């Protein structure tokens, strides 16, 4: 019976999860993330003095904190890329996407990196000028161009990957393993919500988006 004790302890969580009406195709991973959501650590949270004053309600403060942490990460990245042949995290992201996915159309590469088309094309042009990528016509679509990593680009990305991993560790250094899992879940939840808006609402003004999503 002892080997089933942990399973028995999960049953109340499972019952509560099902009461919330999960989708018919929910997976064990969905359930695991849901449990994490119920058990977000807030121990000693009141003892954390803000590094700088925050303004507004909870939503406003969360937005400020996300923005601040982006600025901290950008500070580290700027130092990292100071002595490298590429200069931005976006250029790194394009090379990494080609390493993982192989040759793809320019628009596919830009979409993989969640960028506006015009900004993405400028990055592709810079990488091509640096001979980190090559391009050729797409035989299946005469209007499109395919882009690939060049040997020079592959050498650079393989050199940078371990160093970027170290920056990733620095970014989450004060968090416990459990806090890292919780943060990953919450950020992924925000990503799932905002990503479709980014791609589908290009022609809509901000007021329309607010009305559709918040009823305002």
N, C-alpha and C. Protein backbone atom coordinates (compact mmCIF):
# COMPACT_ATOMS: atom_id res chain seq x y z
N UNK A 1 0.83 -1.21 0.00
CA UNK A 1 0.00 0.00 0.00
C UNK A 1 0.86 1.26 0.00
N UNK A 2 2.07 1.14 0.61
CA UNK A 2 2.92 2.31 0.75
C UNK A 2 3.25 2.94 -0.60
N UNK A 3 3.44 2.08 -1.63
CA UNK A 3 3.85 2.62 -2.91
C UNK A 3 2.75 3.44 -3.59
N UNK A 4 1.51 3.34 -3.07
CA UNK A 4 0.42 4.11 -3.64
C UNK A 4 0.10 5.37 -2.84
N UNK A 5 0.83 5.60 -1.75
CA UNK A 5 0.53 6.74 -0.88
C UNK A 5 0.60 8.07 -1.64
N UNK A 6 1.66 8.25 -2.45
CA UNK A 6 1.81 9.51 -3.18
C UNK A 6 0.69 9.70 -4.19
N UNK A 7 0.28 8.59 -4.82
CA UNK A 7 -0.82 8.67 -5.77
C UNK A 7 -2.12 9.08 -5.08
N UNK A 8 -2.37 8.51 -3.90
CA UNK A 8 -3.58 8.83 -3.14
C UNK A 8 -3.59 10.32 -2.77
N UNK A 9 -2.42 10.86 -2.46
CA UNK A 9 -2.34 12.28 -2.10
C UNK A 9 -2.69 13.18 -3.29
N UNK A 10 -2.54 12.67 -4.50
CA UNK A 10 -2.84 13.47 -5.69
C UNK A 10 -4.33 13.52 -6.01
N UNK A 11 -5.11 12.58 -5.46
CA UNK A 11 -6.52 12.47 -5.84
C UNK A 11 -7.33 13.74 -5.59
N UNK A 12 -7.17 14.43 -4.45
CA UNK A 12 -7.92 15.68 -4.27
C UNK A 12 -7.59 16.73 -5.32
N UNK A 13 -6.29 16.80 -5.71
CA UNK A 13 -5.90 17.73 -6.76
C UNK A 13 -6.57 17.37 -8.08
N UNK A 14 -6.60 16.07 -8.39
CA UNK A 14 -7.22 15.62 -9.64
C UNK A 14 -8.71 15.95 -9.66
N UNK A 15 -9.37 15.76 -8.53
CA UNK A 15 -10.80 16.07 -8.45
C UNK A 15 -11.04 17.56 -8.68
N UNK A 16 -10.21 18.41 -8.06
CA UNK A 16 -10.36 19.86 -8.24
C UNK A 16 -10.06 20.27 -9.68
N UNK A 17 -9.07 19.62 -10.27
CA UNK A 17 -8.71 19.90 -11.67
C UNK A 17 -9.87 19.59 -12.60
N UNK A 18 -10.52 18.45 -12.36
CA UNK A 18 -11.64 18.06 -13.22
C UNK A 18 -12.86 18.95 -13.00
N UNK A 19 -13.02 19.46 -11.78
CA UNK A 19 -14.14 20.36 -11.50
C UNK A 19 -14.01 21.68 -12.27
N UNK A 20 -12.78 22.07 -12.57
CA UNK A 20 -12.57 23.31 -13.32
C UNK A 20 -12.88 23.14 -14.80
N UNK A 21 -13.20 21.90 -15.18
CA UNK A 21 -13.61 21.66 -16.56
C UNK A 21 -12.49 21.68 -17.57
N UNK A 22 -11.43 20.86 -17.40
CA UNK A 22 -10.35 20.84 -18.37
C UNK A 22 -10.84 20.36 -19.73
N UNK A 23 -10.08 20.67 -20.76
CA UNK A 23 -10.44 20.25 -22.11
C UNK A 23 -10.43 18.73 -22.22
N UNK A 24 -11.23 18.17 -23.12
CA UNK A 24 -11.29 16.71 -23.26
C UNK A 24 -9.94 16.08 -23.60
N UNK A 25 -9.07 16.85 -24.26
CA UNK A 25 -7.78 16.30 -24.69
C UNK A 25 -6.64 16.68 -23.75
N UNK A 26 -6.96 16.99 -22.48
CA UNK A 26 -5.91 17.37 -21.54
C UNK A 26 -4.95 16.21 -21.33
N UNK A 27 -3.70 16.55 -21.00
CA UNK A 27 -2.66 15.55 -20.81
C UNK A 27 -2.15 15.58 -19.37
N UNK A 28 -1.33 14.60 -19.04
CA UNK A 28 -0.73 14.56 -17.71
C UNK A 28 0.13 15.80 -17.48
N UNK A 29 0.75 16.30 -18.55
CA UNK A 29 1.57 17.51 -18.43
C UNK A 29 0.70 18.71 -18.06
N UNK A 30 -0.50 18.80 -18.65
CA UNK A 30 -1.42 19.88 -18.29
C UNK A 30 -1.75 19.83 -16.81
N UNK A 31 -1.99 18.62 -16.31
CA UNK A 31 -2.31 18.43 -14.89
C UNK A 31 -1.13 18.85 -14.01
N UNK A 32 0.08 18.48 -14.43
CA UNK A 32 1.27 18.84 -13.65
C UNK A 32 1.44 20.35 -13.57
N UNK A 33 1.24 21.03 -14.69
CA UNK A 33 1.34 22.49 -14.70
C UNK A 33 0.24 23.12 -13.84
N UNK A 34 -0.93 22.53 -13.87
CA UNK A 34 -2.04 23.04 -13.06
C UNK A 34 -1.69 22.95 -11.58
N UNK A 35 -1.09 21.84 -11.17
CA UNK A 35 -0.69 21.69 -9.76
C UNK A 35 0.33 22.76 -9.39
N UNK A 36 1.29 23.02 -10.27
CA UNK A 36 2.26 24.07 -10.00
C UNK A 36 1.57 25.41 -9.80
N UNK A 37 0.55 25.65 -10.61
CA UNK A 37 -0.17 26.92 -10.52
C UNK A 37 -0.87 27.06 -9.18
N UNK A 38 -1.33 25.94 -8.61
CA UNK A 38 -2.02 26.00 -7.32
C UNK A 38 -1.05 26.22 -6.16
N UNK A 39 0.23 25.97 -6.43
CA UNK A 39 1.20 25.94 -5.34
C UNK A 39 2.32 26.95 -5.55
N UNK A 40 1.99 28.09 -6.14
CA UNK A 40 3.00 29.12 -6.36
C UNK A 40 3.57 29.58 -5.01
N UNK A 41 4.88 29.56 -4.91
CA UNK A 41 5.52 29.94 -3.66
C UNK A 41 5.43 31.45 -3.44
N UNK A 42 4.95 31.85 -2.28
CA UNK A 42 4.94 33.27 -1.93
C UNK A 42 5.62 33.48 -0.58
N UNK A 43 6.37 32.47 -0.14
CA UNK A 43 7.06 32.58 1.13
C UNK A 43 8.00 33.78 1.11
N UNK A 44 7.92 34.56 2.17
CA UNK A 44 8.81 35.69 2.38
C UNK A 44 8.68 36.78 1.30
N UNK A 45 7.61 36.73 0.52
CA UNK A 45 7.48 37.70 -0.55
C UNK A 45 7.39 39.12 -0.02
N UNK A 46 6.80 39.29 1.18
CA UNK A 46 6.68 40.64 1.74
C UNK A 46 8.03 41.17 2.21
N UNK A 47 9.03 40.29 2.34
CA UNK A 47 10.34 40.72 2.79
C UNK A 47 11.20 41.22 1.64
N UNK A 48 10.74 41.05 0.41
CA UNK A 48 11.53 41.47 -0.73
C UNK A 48 11.32 42.97 -0.97
N UNK A 49 12.32 43.75 -0.64
CA UNK A 49 12.24 45.19 -0.91
C UNK A 49 12.49 45.42 -2.40
N UNK A 50 11.64 46.18 -3.08
CA UNK A 50 11.86 46.41 -4.51
C UNK A 50 13.16 47.14 -4.77
N UNK A 51 13.85 46.76 -5.85
CA UNK A 51 15.10 47.42 -6.21
C UNK A 51 14.86 48.86 -6.62
N UNK A 52 13.65 49.15 -7.08
CA UNK A 52 13.25 50.52 -7.40
C UNK A 52 11.75 50.62 -7.17
N UNK A 53 11.24 51.81 -6.84
CA UNK A 53 9.81 51.94 -6.53
C UNK A 53 8.94 51.53 -7.71
N UNK A 54 7.86 50.81 -7.41
CA UNK A 54 6.90 50.41 -8.43
C UNK A 54 5.63 51.23 -8.27
N UNK A 55 4.95 51.46 -9.38
CA UNK A 55 3.77 52.32 -9.37
C UNK A 55 2.54 51.54 -9.83
N UNK A 56 1.37 51.98 -9.34
CA UNK A 56 0.12 51.46 -9.87
C UNK A 56 -0.36 50.19 -9.21
N UNK A 57 -1.38 49.57 -9.83
CA UNK A 57 -1.98 48.36 -9.29
C UNK A 57 -1.11 47.14 -9.63
N UNK A 58 -1.62 45.95 -9.30
CA UNK A 58 -0.83 44.73 -9.49
C UNK A 58 -0.46 44.53 -10.95
N UNK A 59 -1.42 44.72 -11.86
CA UNK A 59 -1.13 44.54 -13.28
C UNK A 59 -0.05 45.50 -13.76
N UNK A 60 -0.13 46.76 -13.31
CA UNK A 60 0.87 47.75 -13.70
C UNK A 60 2.25 47.38 -13.16
N UNK A 61 2.30 46.89 -11.92
CA UNK A 61 3.59 46.53 -11.33
C UNK A 61 4.20 45.31 -12.01
N UNK A 62 3.36 44.34 -12.37
CA UNK A 62 3.86 43.17 -13.10
C UNK A 62 4.46 43.60 -14.43
N UNK A 63 3.76 44.50 -15.13
CA UNK A 63 4.26 45.00 -16.41
C UNK A 63 5.59 45.70 -16.23
N UNK A 64 5.71 46.51 -15.16
CA UNK A 64 6.98 47.19 -14.89
C UNK A 64 8.09 46.18 -14.62
N UNK A 65 7.78 45.13 -13.86
CA UNK A 65 8.80 44.14 -13.52
C UNK A 65 9.25 43.34 -14.74
N UNK A 66 8.31 43.00 -15.61
CA UNK A 66 8.67 42.30 -16.85
C UNK A 66 9.59 43.19 -17.69
N UNK A 67 9.23 44.47 -17.79
CA UNK A 67 10.02 45.41 -18.58
C UNK A 67 11.41 45.60 -17.97
N UNK A 68 11.48 45.72 -16.65
CA UNK A 68 12.77 45.89 -15.99
C UNK A 68 13.67 44.68 -16.21
N UNK A 69 13.11 43.48 -16.09
CA UNK A 69 13.93 42.28 -16.27
C UNK A 69 14.38 42.13 -17.72
N UNK A 70 13.56 42.58 -18.66
CA UNK A 70 14.00 42.60 -20.06
C UNK A 70 15.19 43.54 -20.21
N UNK A 71 15.15 44.69 -19.54
CA UNK A 71 16.26 45.65 -19.63
C UNK A 71 17.53 45.08 -19.01
N UNK A 72 17.38 44.35 -17.89
CA UNK A 72 18.56 43.74 -17.28
C UNK A 72 19.19 42.72 -18.23
N UNK A 73 18.33 41.89 -18.84
CA UNK A 73 18.84 40.88 -19.77
C UNK A 73 19.49 41.54 -20.98
N UNK A 74 18.89 42.62 -21.47
CA UNK A 74 19.46 43.34 -22.61
C UNK A 74 20.83 43.92 -22.24
N UNK A 75 20.99 44.37 -20.99
CA UNK A 75 22.27 44.89 -20.49
C UNK A 75 23.34 43.81 -20.57
N UNK A 76 23.01 42.59 -20.10
CA UNK A 76 23.96 41.48 -20.16
C UNK A 76 24.29 41.12 -21.61
N UNK A 77 23.25 41.09 -22.45
CA UNK A 77 23.45 40.70 -23.85
C UNK A 77 24.32 41.71 -24.59
N UNK A 78 24.12 42.99 -24.28
CA UNK A 78 24.93 44.03 -24.93
C UNK A 78 26.41 43.82 -24.60
N UNK A 79 26.69 43.49 -23.34
CA UNK A 79 28.08 43.22 -22.96
C UNK A 79 28.60 41.99 -23.68
N UNK A 80 27.75 40.96 -23.78
CA UNK A 80 28.16 39.72 -24.42
C UNK A 80 28.49 39.92 -25.89
N UNK A 81 27.64 40.66 -26.59
CA UNK A 81 27.82 40.80 -28.03
C UNK A 81 28.81 41.91 -28.42
N UNK A 82 29.35 42.59 -27.42
CA UNK A 82 30.27 43.70 -27.69
C UNK A 82 31.46 43.25 -28.54
N UNK A 83 31.97 42.06 -28.29
CA UNK A 83 33.16 41.58 -28.99
C UNK A 83 32.85 40.46 -29.97
N UNK A 84 31.58 40.34 -30.36
CA UNK A 84 31.18 39.28 -31.29
C UNK A 84 30.86 39.87 -32.67
N UNK A 85 30.92 39.05 -33.71
CA UNK A 85 30.62 39.55 -35.06
C UNK A 85 29.14 39.84 -35.30
N UNK A 86 28.26 39.34 -34.44
CA UNK A 86 26.86 39.76 -34.48
C UNK A 86 26.60 40.63 -33.26
N UNK A 87 25.57 41.47 -33.33
CA UNK A 87 25.43 42.49 -32.29
C UNK A 87 24.15 42.43 -31.48
N UNK A 88 23.20 41.56 -31.84
CA UNK A 88 21.92 41.55 -31.13
C UNK A 88 21.44 40.13 -30.87
N UNK A 89 20.54 40.01 -29.88
CA UNK A 89 19.93 38.72 -29.58
C UNK A 89 19.04 38.26 -30.74
N UNK A 90 18.50 39.20 -31.51
CA UNK A 90 17.67 38.81 -32.66
C UNK A 90 18.51 38.12 -33.73
N UNK A 91 19.70 38.61 -33.98
CA UNK A 91 20.58 37.96 -34.94
C UNK A 91 20.95 36.56 -34.46
N UNK A 92 21.23 36.44 -33.17
CA UNK A 92 21.50 35.12 -32.60
C UNK A 92 20.29 34.21 -32.78
N UNK A 93 19.09 34.74 -32.52
CA UNK A 93 17.88 33.93 -32.64
C UNK A 93 17.65 33.42 -34.05
N UNK A 94 17.96 34.24 -35.06
CA UNK A 94 17.81 33.81 -36.45
C UNK A 94 18.77 32.66 -36.76
N UNK A 95 20.02 32.80 -36.32
CA UNK A 95 21.00 31.73 -36.55
C UNK A 95 20.60 30.46 -35.82
N UNK A 96 20.13 30.61 -34.58
CA UNK A 96 19.72 29.44 -33.80
C UNK A 96 18.53 28.73 -34.45
N UNK A 97 17.58 29.51 -34.98
CA UNK A 97 16.41 28.92 -35.64
C UNK A 97 16.83 28.12 -36.87
N UNK A 98 17.79 28.62 -37.63
CA UNK A 98 18.28 27.89 -38.80
C UNK A 98 19.04 26.65 -38.40
N UNK A 99 19.76 26.72 -37.29
CA UNK A 99 20.48 25.55 -36.80
C UNK A 99 19.51 24.44 -36.43
N UNK A 100 18.43 24.80 -35.75
CA UNK A 100 17.46 23.81 -35.28
C UNK A 100 16.55 23.31 -36.40
N UNK A 101 16.09 24.22 -37.24
CA UNK A 101 15.06 23.88 -38.24
C UNK A 101 15.60 23.64 -39.64
N UNK A 102 16.84 24.02 -39.89
CA UNK A 102 17.38 23.86 -41.23
C UNK A 102 16.90 24.94 -42.17
N UNK A 103 17.11 24.73 -43.45
CA UNK A 103 16.73 25.70 -44.48
C UNK A 103 15.23 26.00 -44.43
N UNK A 104 14.88 27.28 -44.55
CA UNK A 104 13.47 27.65 -44.58
C UNK A 104 13.29 28.95 -45.35
N UNK A 105 12.05 29.26 -45.68
CA UNK A 105 11.76 30.51 -46.36
C UNK A 105 12.00 31.68 -45.41
N UNK A 106 12.27 32.85 -45.99
CA UNK A 106 12.55 34.03 -45.18
C UNK A 106 11.40 34.35 -44.23
N UNK A 107 10.18 34.30 -44.74
CA UNK A 107 9.03 34.61 -43.89
C UNK A 107 8.90 33.61 -42.75
N UNK A 108 9.16 32.34 -43.03
CA UNK A 108 9.11 31.32 -41.97
C UNK A 108 10.14 31.62 -40.89
N UNK A 109 11.32 32.02 -41.30
CA UNK A 109 12.38 32.35 -40.34
C UNK A 109 11.98 33.54 -39.48
N UNK A 110 11.40 34.55 -40.11
CA UNK A 110 10.95 35.74 -39.37
C UNK A 110 9.85 35.37 -38.39
N UNK A 111 8.89 34.56 -38.83
CA UNK A 111 7.79 34.13 -37.95
C UNK A 111 8.31 33.31 -36.77
N UNK A 112 9.32 32.47 -37.01
CA UNK A 112 9.89 31.67 -35.93
C UNK A 112 10.43 32.55 -34.81
N UNK A 113 10.84 33.75 -35.17
CA UNK A 113 11.44 34.66 -34.19
C UNK A 113 10.48 35.74 -33.72
N UNK A 114 9.19 35.60 -34.08
CA UNK A 114 8.15 36.52 -33.61
C UNK A 114 8.54 37.98 -33.84
N UNK A 115 8.73 38.31 -35.11
CA UNK A 115 9.15 39.67 -35.47
C UNK A 115 8.27 40.23 -36.56
N UNK A 116 8.24 41.56 -36.64
CA UNK A 116 7.63 42.23 -37.78
C UNK A 116 8.44 41.89 -39.03
N UNK A 117 7.75 41.79 -40.17
CA UNK A 117 8.42 41.36 -41.40
C UNK A 117 9.56 42.29 -41.79
N UNK A 118 9.32 43.61 -41.75
CA UNK A 118 10.35 44.56 -42.18
C UNK A 118 11.60 44.49 -41.29
N UNK A 119 11.39 44.35 -39.98
CA UNK A 119 12.53 44.23 -39.05
C UNK A 119 13.28 42.92 -39.29
N UNK A 120 12.53 41.85 -39.54
CA UNK A 120 13.16 40.56 -39.81
C UNK A 120 13.98 40.57 -41.08
N UNK A 121 13.49 41.25 -42.12
CA UNK A 121 14.23 41.33 -43.37
C UNK A 121 15.54 42.08 -43.19
N UNK A 122 15.54 43.10 -42.34
CA UNK A 122 16.77 43.84 -42.08
C UNK A 122 17.80 42.94 -41.40
N UNK A 123 17.36 42.10 -40.48
CA UNK A 123 18.28 41.17 -39.81
C UNK A 123 18.84 40.17 -40.82
N UNK A 124 17.98 39.66 -41.69
CA UNK A 124 18.43 38.72 -42.73
C UNK A 124 19.49 39.38 -43.61
N UNK A 125 19.27 40.64 -43.98
CA UNK A 125 20.25 41.35 -44.82
C UNK A 125 21.59 41.50 -44.09
N UNK A 126 21.54 41.82 -42.79
CA UNK A 126 22.79 41.97 -42.03
C UNK A 126 23.54 40.64 -41.95
N UNK A 127 22.81 39.57 -41.68
CA UNK A 127 23.45 38.26 -41.57
C UNK A 127 24.02 37.81 -42.92
N UNK A 128 23.33 38.17 -43.99
CA UNK A 128 23.83 37.81 -45.32
C UNK A 128 25.08 38.60 -45.65
N UNK A 129 25.09 39.91 -45.29
CA UNK A 129 26.29 40.72 -45.53
C UNK A 129 27.49 40.16 -44.77
N UNK A 130 27.23 39.64 -43.57
CA UNK A 130 28.30 39.05 -42.78
C UNK A 130 28.66 37.65 -43.19
N UNK A 131 27.97 37.13 -44.19
CA UNK A 131 28.20 35.78 -44.73
C UNK A 131 27.92 34.68 -43.70
N UNK A 132 26.96 34.97 -42.79
CA UNK A 132 26.55 33.96 -41.82
C UNK A 132 25.41 33.10 -42.35
N UNK A 133 24.72 33.60 -43.36
CA UNK A 133 23.66 32.83 -44.01
C UNK A 133 23.79 32.99 -45.52
N UNK A 134 23.16 32.08 -46.23
CA UNK A 134 23.10 32.17 -47.69
C UNK A 134 21.64 32.07 -48.11
N UNK A 135 21.34 32.53 -49.32
CA UNK A 135 19.96 32.45 -49.80
C UNK A 135 19.95 31.92 -51.23
N UNK A 136 18.85 31.30 -51.59
CA UNK A 136 18.67 30.77 -52.92
C UNK A 136 17.18 30.70 -53.23
N UNK A 137 16.80 30.69 -54.51
CA UNK A 137 15.38 30.61 -54.85
C UNK A 137 14.75 29.32 -54.32
N UNK A 138 13.48 29.42 -53.94
CA UNK A 138 12.73 28.24 -53.51
C UNK A 138 12.16 27.56 -54.76
N UNK A 139 12.61 26.33 -55.06
CA UNK A 139 12.13 25.67 -56.28
C UNK A 139 10.63 25.38 -56.27
N UNK A 140 10.03 25.35 -55.08
CA UNK A 140 8.59 25.07 -55.00
C UNK A 140 7.74 26.34 -55.03
N UNK A 141 8.40 27.51 -54.95
CA UNK A 141 7.68 28.79 -54.95
C UNK A 141 8.59 29.84 -55.56
N UNK A 142 8.33 30.19 -56.81
CA UNK A 142 9.21 31.11 -57.52
C UNK A 142 9.29 32.49 -56.91
N UNK A 143 8.32 32.84 -56.06
CA UNK A 143 8.32 34.18 -55.45
C UNK A 143 9.10 34.23 -54.15
N UNK A 144 9.47 33.08 -53.61
CA UNK A 144 10.09 33.02 -52.28
C UNK A 144 11.58 32.69 -52.38
N UNK A 145 12.29 33.06 -51.32
CA UNK A 145 13.71 32.74 -51.19
C UNK A 145 13.91 31.86 -49.96
N UNK A 146 14.81 30.89 -50.10
CA UNK A 146 15.19 30.04 -48.98
C UNK A 146 16.47 30.58 -48.36
N UNK A 147 16.58 30.47 -47.04
CA UNK A 147 17.81 30.88 -46.35
C UNK A 147 18.36 29.69 -45.57
N UNK A 148 19.69 29.63 -45.51
CA UNK A 148 20.38 28.53 -44.83
C UNK A 148 21.56 29.08 -44.06
N UNK A 149 21.99 28.35 -43.05
CA UNK A 149 23.22 28.68 -42.36
C UNK A 149 24.40 28.43 -43.28
N UNK A 150 25.34 29.35 -43.31
CA UNK A 150 26.60 29.11 -44.01
C UNK A 150 27.54 28.39 -43.04
N UNK A 151 28.63 27.81 -43.52
CA UNK A 151 29.61 27.22 -42.60
C UNK A 151 30.10 28.23 -41.56
N UNK A 152 30.26 29.48 -41.98
CA UNK A 152 30.69 30.53 -41.05
C UNK A 152 29.63 30.77 -39.98
N UNK A 153 28.36 30.79 -40.39
CA UNK A 153 27.27 30.99 -39.43
C UNK A 153 27.13 29.83 -38.47
N UNK A 154 27.29 28.62 -38.98
CA UNK A 154 27.18 27.44 -38.12
C UNK A 154 28.31 27.42 -37.09
N UNK A 155 29.50 27.78 -37.52
CA UNK A 155 30.63 27.84 -36.58
C UNK A 155 30.36 28.85 -35.48
N UNK A 156 29.82 30.02 -35.85
CA UNK A 156 29.56 31.06 -34.86
C UNK A 156 28.48 30.64 -33.87
N UNK A 157 27.38 30.08 -34.35
CA UNK A 157 26.29 29.73 -33.44
C UNK A 157 26.72 28.61 -32.49
N UNK A 158 27.51 27.67 -32.96
CA UNK A 158 27.98 26.60 -32.09
C UNK A 158 28.94 27.15 -31.03
N UNK A 159 29.66 28.18 -31.37
CA UNK A 159 30.56 28.83 -30.42
C UNK A 159 29.79 29.62 -29.36
N UNK A 160 28.67 30.23 -29.78
CA UNK A 160 27.92 31.10 -28.88
C UNK A 160 26.95 30.35 -27.96
N UNK A 161 26.46 29.20 -28.38
CA UNK A 161 25.42 28.50 -27.62
C UNK A 161 25.78 28.27 -26.16
N UNK A 162 26.97 27.72 -25.84
CA UNK A 162 27.30 27.50 -24.42
C UNK A 162 27.35 28.81 -23.63
N UNK A 163 27.83 29.87 -24.26
CA UNK A 163 27.93 31.16 -23.57
C UNK A 163 26.55 31.75 -23.31
N UNK A 164 25.64 31.58 -24.26
CA UNK A 164 24.28 32.06 -24.05
C UNK A 164 23.59 31.25 -22.96
N UNK A 165 23.94 29.98 -22.86
CA UNK A 165 23.40 29.16 -21.77
C UNK A 165 23.81 29.72 -20.41
N UNK A 166 25.03 30.22 -20.31
CA UNK A 166 25.50 30.83 -19.07
C UNK A 166 24.72 32.10 -18.75
N UNK A 167 24.41 32.89 -19.77
CA UNK A 167 23.60 34.10 -19.55
C UNK A 167 22.20 33.73 -19.08
N UNK A 168 21.66 32.64 -19.63
CA UNK A 168 20.35 32.17 -19.19
C UNK A 168 20.36 31.80 -17.72
N UNK A 169 21.42 31.15 -17.28
CA UNK A 169 21.54 30.78 -15.86
C UNK A 169 21.65 32.03 -14.99
N UNK A 170 22.38 33.03 -15.47
CA UNK A 170 22.50 34.28 -14.72
C UNK A 170 21.15 34.96 -14.57
N UNK A 171 20.34 34.93 -15.63
CA UNK A 171 19.04 35.62 -15.61
C UNK A 171 18.11 35.08 -14.54
N UNK A 172 18.21 33.78 -14.24
CA UNK A 172 17.30 33.17 -13.25
C UNK A 172 18.06 32.70 -12.01
N UNK A 173 19.25 33.23 -11.80
CA UNK A 173 20.13 32.77 -10.72
C UNK A 173 19.50 32.76 -9.33
N UNK A 174 18.68 33.76 -8.93
CA UNK A 174 18.16 33.76 -7.56
C UNK A 174 16.98 32.82 -7.34
N UNK A 175 16.50 32.16 -8.38
CA UNK A 175 15.30 31.33 -8.25
C UNK A 175 15.66 29.88 -7.94
N UNK A 176 14.87 29.27 -7.06
CA UNK A 176 15.02 27.84 -6.80
C UNK A 176 14.54 27.07 -8.01
N UNK A 177 14.82 25.76 -8.03
CA UNK A 177 14.36 24.93 -9.15
C UNK A 177 12.84 24.98 -9.29
N UNK A 178 12.16 24.93 -8.16
CA UNK A 178 10.70 24.98 -8.20
C UNK A 178 10.22 26.33 -8.73
N UNK A 179 10.85 27.41 -8.30
CA UNK A 179 10.47 28.74 -8.77
C UNK A 179 10.72 28.88 -10.27
N UNK A 180 11.81 28.27 -10.75
CA UNK A 180 12.09 28.30 -12.18
C UNK A 180 10.98 27.59 -12.96
N UNK A 181 10.52 26.45 -12.45
CA UNK A 181 9.44 25.72 -13.12
C UNK A 181 8.15 26.54 -13.12
N UNK A 182 7.89 27.19 -12.00
CA UNK A 182 6.68 28.00 -11.91
C UNK A 182 6.75 29.20 -12.85
N UNK A 183 7.92 29.85 -12.89
CA UNK A 183 8.08 30.99 -13.79
C UNK A 183 7.94 30.55 -15.25
N UNK A 184 8.53 29.42 -15.57
CA UNK A 184 8.42 28.88 -16.94
C UNK A 184 6.96 28.66 -17.30
N UNK A 185 6.20 28.09 -16.38
CA UNK A 185 4.78 27.83 -16.64
C UNK A 185 4.02 29.14 -16.87
N UNK A 186 4.25 30.13 -16.01
CA UNK A 186 3.52 31.39 -16.11
C UNK A 186 3.89 32.16 -17.39
N UNK A 187 5.18 32.17 -17.73
CA UNK A 187 5.59 32.85 -18.95
C UNK A 187 5.05 32.14 -20.19
N UNK A 188 5.03 30.80 -20.13
CA UNK A 188 4.48 30.05 -21.25
C UNK A 188 2.99 30.33 -21.41
N UNK A 189 2.30 30.47 -20.29
CA UNK A 189 0.86 30.78 -20.33
C UNK A 189 0.64 32.15 -20.98
N UNK A 190 1.46 33.13 -20.64
CA UNK A 190 1.36 34.45 -21.26
C UNK A 190 1.69 34.38 -22.75
N UNK A 191 2.70 33.57 -23.08
CA UNK A 191 3.09 33.43 -24.48
C UNK A 191 1.97 32.82 -25.32
N UNK A 192 1.31 31.80 -24.79
CA UNK A 192 0.20 31.16 -25.51
C UNK A 192 -0.93 32.16 -25.74
N UNK A 193 -1.14 33.07 -24.79
CA UNK A 193 -2.21 34.06 -24.91
C UNK A 193 -1.86 35.15 -25.93
N UNK A 194 -0.64 35.68 -25.84
CA UNK A 194 -0.29 36.86 -26.64
C UNK A 194 0.20 36.53 -28.05
N UNK A 195 0.77 35.35 -28.25
CA UNK A 195 1.32 35.03 -29.56
C UNK A 195 0.30 35.12 -30.70
N UNK A 196 -0.90 34.55 -30.55
CA UNK A 196 -1.89 34.68 -31.63
C UNK A 196 -2.31 36.13 -31.88
N UNK A 197 -2.37 36.92 -30.81
CA UNK A 197 -2.73 38.34 -30.99
C UNK A 197 -1.67 39.03 -31.84
N UNK A 198 -0.42 38.74 -31.56
CA UNK A 198 0.69 39.34 -32.31
C UNK A 198 0.56 39.07 -33.80
N UNK A 199 0.20 37.85 -34.16
CA UNK A 199 0.15 37.47 -35.57
C UNK A 199 -1.17 37.82 -36.25
N UNK A 200 -2.26 37.89 -35.48
CA UNK A 200 -3.57 38.04 -36.10
C UNK A 200 -4.14 39.46 -36.03
N UNK A 201 -3.52 40.31 -35.23
CA UNK A 201 -4.11 41.64 -35.00
C UNK A 201 -3.28 42.78 -35.57
N UNK A 202 -2.48 42.51 -36.59
CA UNK A 202 -1.61 43.55 -37.15
C UNK A 202 -2.38 44.75 -37.68
N UNK A 203 -3.55 44.51 -38.23
CA UNK A 203 -4.31 45.59 -38.85
C UNK A 203 -5.27 46.27 -37.87
N UNK A 204 -5.34 45.78 -36.64
CA UNK A 204 -6.28 46.34 -35.67
C UNK A 204 -5.60 47.40 -34.80
N UNK A 205 -6.35 48.43 -34.41
CA UNK A 205 -5.78 49.40 -33.49
C UNK A 205 -5.89 48.87 -32.06
N UNK A 206 -5.22 49.57 -31.15
CA UNK A 206 -5.13 49.09 -29.77
C UNK A 206 -6.49 49.04 -29.10
N UNK A 207 -7.35 50.00 -29.40
CA UNK A 207 -8.67 50.04 -28.78
C UNK A 207 -9.50 48.83 -29.18
N UNK A 208 -9.35 48.40 -30.43
CA UNK A 208 -10.08 47.22 -30.90
C UNK A 208 -9.60 45.97 -30.17
N UNK A 209 -8.29 45.85 -30.00
CA UNK A 209 -7.73 44.70 -29.29
C UNK A 209 -8.22 44.68 -27.84
N UNK A 210 -8.21 45.84 -27.18
CA UNK A 210 -8.68 45.92 -25.80
C UNK A 210 -10.15 45.53 -25.70
N UNK A 211 -10.94 45.98 -26.66
CA UNK A 211 -12.37 45.66 -26.64
C UNK A 211 -12.60 44.17 -26.82
N UNK A 212 -11.82 43.55 -27.71
CA UNK A 212 -12.00 42.13 -27.99
C UNK A 212 -11.53 41.26 -26.82
N UNK A 213 -10.43 41.64 -26.20
CA UNK A 213 -9.82 40.79 -25.18
C UNK A 213 -10.27 41.13 -23.76
N UNK A 214 -10.54 42.39 -23.50
CA UNK A 214 -10.89 42.80 -22.14
C UNK A 214 -12.31 43.33 -22.02
N UNK A 215 -12.99 43.49 -23.13
CA UNK A 215 -14.34 44.03 -23.10
C UNK A 215 -14.37 45.49 -22.72
N UNK A 216 -13.32 46.21 -23.05
CA UNK A 216 -13.23 47.64 -22.67
C UNK A 216 -13.34 48.52 -23.91
